[in-house]
Amino acid sequence: MILVDTSAWIDFFQGIRSPWTKDVARAARLEDVVVGDLILVELLQGVRQESGRRRMIGALSQYRRENLCGFAIAEAAAANYRLLRSRGITVRGTIDVIIATWCVENDAAIIHNDRDLAAMEGLLGLRAYR
């Protein structure tokens, strides 16, 4: 199971050639790709027109959808945030900690282009798809 982060989807949809967009294309063909609800929110926030929203929803509708945060993940994410802070890492967004925690708790790899998620790979056991 592979969760694609907002950072990788944005580059993928913009046609940017990078290692992570190549990973998105490969995972979309070969793996069980998951679209998280919080990632969908972030993606749709950047869409300016209704036609773009429809295209985005259509493109993502082929993948499995998951709710990334419930009470158990919320508690675990808060604990992970405190752990990161105790190690001198301040994550810029709560959503990134939730996403990372969901991946760890569900044994899902992640495709991303995000420095906060990269920092969590070592400390939380977040697995990057490569």
Protein backbone atom coordinates (compact mmCIF):
# COMPACT_ATOMS: atom_id res chain seq x y z
CA MET A 1 0.00 0.00 0.00
CA ILE A 2 1.40 3.37 -1.07
CA LEU A 3 0.15 6.76 0.08
CA VAL A 4 1.02 9.65 -2.24
CA ASP A 5 1.52 12.94 -0.40
CA THR A 6 0.18 16.24 -1.66
CA SER A 7 3.71 17.40 -2.53
CA ALA A 8 4.18 14.51 -4.97
CA TRP A 9 0.68 14.75 -6.47
CA ILE A 10 1.11 18.47 -7.20
CA ASP A 11 4.36 17.90 -9.08
CA PHE A 12 2.87 14.88 -10.85
CA PHE A 13 -0.21 16.79 -12.05
CA GLN A 14 1.98 19.72 -13.15
CA GLY A 15 4.06 17.37 -15.30
CA ILE A 16 7.29 17.97 -13.39
CA ARG A 17 9.89 15.28 -14.03
CA SER A 18 11.49 14.16 -10.80
CA PRO A 19 12.27 10.93 -8.94
CA TRP A 20 9.07 11.23 -6.89
CA THR A 21 6.82 11.87 -9.90
CA LYS A 22 8.34 8.83 -11.59
CA ASP A 23 7.54 6.92 -8.39
CA VAL A 24 3.93 8.14 -8.54
CA ALA A 25 3.59 6.94 -12.14
CA ARG A 26 5.14 3.56 -11.31
CA ALA A 27 3.08 3.08 -8.16
CA ALA A 28 -0.11 4.02 -10.00
CA ARG A 29 0.56 1.17 -12.44
CA LEU A 30 1.86 -1.48 -10.07
CA GLU A 31 0.77 -0.81 -6.51
CA ASP A 32 -2.23 -0.25 -4.26
CA VAL A 33 -2.26 3.57 -4.21
CA VAL A 34 -4.17 5.33 -1.46
CA VAL A 35 -5.57 8.87 -1.52
CA GLY A 36 -6.03 10.26 1.97
CA ASP A 37 -8.86 12.60 2.85
CA LEU A 38 -6.50 15.26 4.20
CA ILE A 39 -4.39 15.06 1.05
CA LEU A 40 -7.52 15.50 -1.04
CA VAL A 41 -8.37 18.64 0.95
CA GLU A 42 -4.92 20.09 0.32
CA LEU A 43 -5.09 19.29 -3.39
CA LEU A 44 -8.56 20.73 -3.87
CA GLN A 45 -7.62 23.92 -2.02
CA GLY A 46 -5.23 24.71 -4.85
CA VAL A 47 -7.78 24.24 -7.63
CA ARG A 48 -9.15 27.53 -8.92
CA GLN A 49 -11.93 26.48 -11.27
CA GLU A 50 -14.76 23.98 -11.12
CA SER A 51 -13.49 22.22 -14.24
CA GLY A 52 -10.14 21.69 -12.52
CA ARG A 53 -11.87 20.32 -9.43
CA ARG A 54 -13.81 17.83 -11.56
CA ARG A 55 -10.62 16.73 -13.37
CA MET A 56 -8.79 16.30 -10.04
CA ILE A 57 -11.62 14.25 -8.53
CA GLY A 58 -11.83 12.16 -11.69
CA ALA A 59 -8.10 11.47 -11.77
CA LEU A 60 -8.01 10.46 -8.11
CA SER A 61 -11.26 8.46 -8.06
CA GLN A 62 -9.53 5.35 -9.40
CA TYR A 63 -7.51 4.97 -6.19
CA ARG A 64 -8.53 3.67 -2.81
CA ARG A 65 -9.65 6.38 -0.41
CA GLU A 66 -8.83 6.39 3.29
CA ASN A 67 -9.63 8.60 6.24
CA LEU A 68 -6.25 9.46 7.71
CA CYS A 69 -7.25 10.68 11.14
CA GLY A 70 -9.47 9.26 13.81
CA PHE A 71 -9.06 9.24 17.56
CA ALA A 72 -6.37 6.51 17.63
CA ILE A 73 -4.27 8.21 14.93
CA ALA A 74 -4.82 11.60 16.61
CA GLU A 75 -3.35 10.31 19.88
CA ALA A 76 -0.45 8.60 18.13
CA ALA A 77 0.25 11.69 15.98
CA ALA A 78 0.33 13.92 19.06
CA ALA A 79 2.80 11.53 20.70
CA ASN A 80 4.90 11.54 17.53
CA TYR A 81 4.84 15.34 17.41
CA ARG A 82 6.09 15.49 21.00
CA LEU A 83 8.82 12.95 20.19
CA LEU A 84 9.96 14.98 17.21
CA ARG A 85 10.01 18.17 19.30
CA SER A 86 12.07 16.42 21.99
CA ARG A 87 14.61 15.57 19.26
CA GLY A 88 14.77 19.19 18.09
CA ILE A 89 12.55 18.78 15.03
CA THR A 90 9.69 21.21 14.62
CA VAL A 91 7.25 20.07 11.98
CA ARG A 92 5.62 22.93 10.08
CA GLY A 93 2.20 21.31 9.79
CA THR A 94 0.08 19.04 11.93
CA ILE A 95 -1.27 17.34 8.81
CA ASP A 96 2.20 16.04 7.94
CA VAL A 97 2.49 14.36 11.35
CA ILE A 98 -0.96 12.81 10.90
CA ILE A 99 -0.03 11.54 7.42
CA ALA A 100 3.25 10.07 8.65
CA THR A 101 1.60 8.47 11.66
CA TRP A 102 -1.14 6.93 9.51
CA CYS A 103 1.52 5.44 7.21
CA VAL A 104 3.52 4.00 10.09
CA GLU A 105 0.44 2.58 11.83
CA ASN A 106 -0.87 1.06 8.58
CA ASP A 107 2.48 -0.17 7.23
CA ALA A 108 2.13 2.01 4.15
CA ALA A 109 5.03 3.50 2.25
CA ILE A 110 4.83 7.13 1.15
CA ILE A 111 5.85 9.07 -1.93
CA HIS A 112 6.65 12.69 -1.11
CA ASN A 113 8.74 15.76 -1.76
CA ASP A 114 8.53 17.26 1.71
CA ARG A 115 11.35 18.04 4.11
CA ASP A 116 9.18 17.47 7.19
CA LEU A 117 8.22 13.99 6.00
CA ALA A 118 11.87 13.28 5.16
CA ALA A 119 12.83 14.12 8.76
CA MET A 120 10.18 11.71 10.03
CA GLU A 121 11.54 8.82 7.97
CA GLY A 122 14.39 8.21 10.38
CA LEU A 123 12.76 9.05 13.67
CA LEU A 124 9.31 7.55 13.24
CA GLY A 125 10.09 4.68 10.90
CA LEU A 126 8.19 6.27 8.02
CA ARG A 127 8.97 4.27 4.88
CA ALA A 128 9.56 6.12 1.63
CA TYR A 129 8.57 4.32 -1.57
CA ARG A 130 11.61 3.81 -3.74
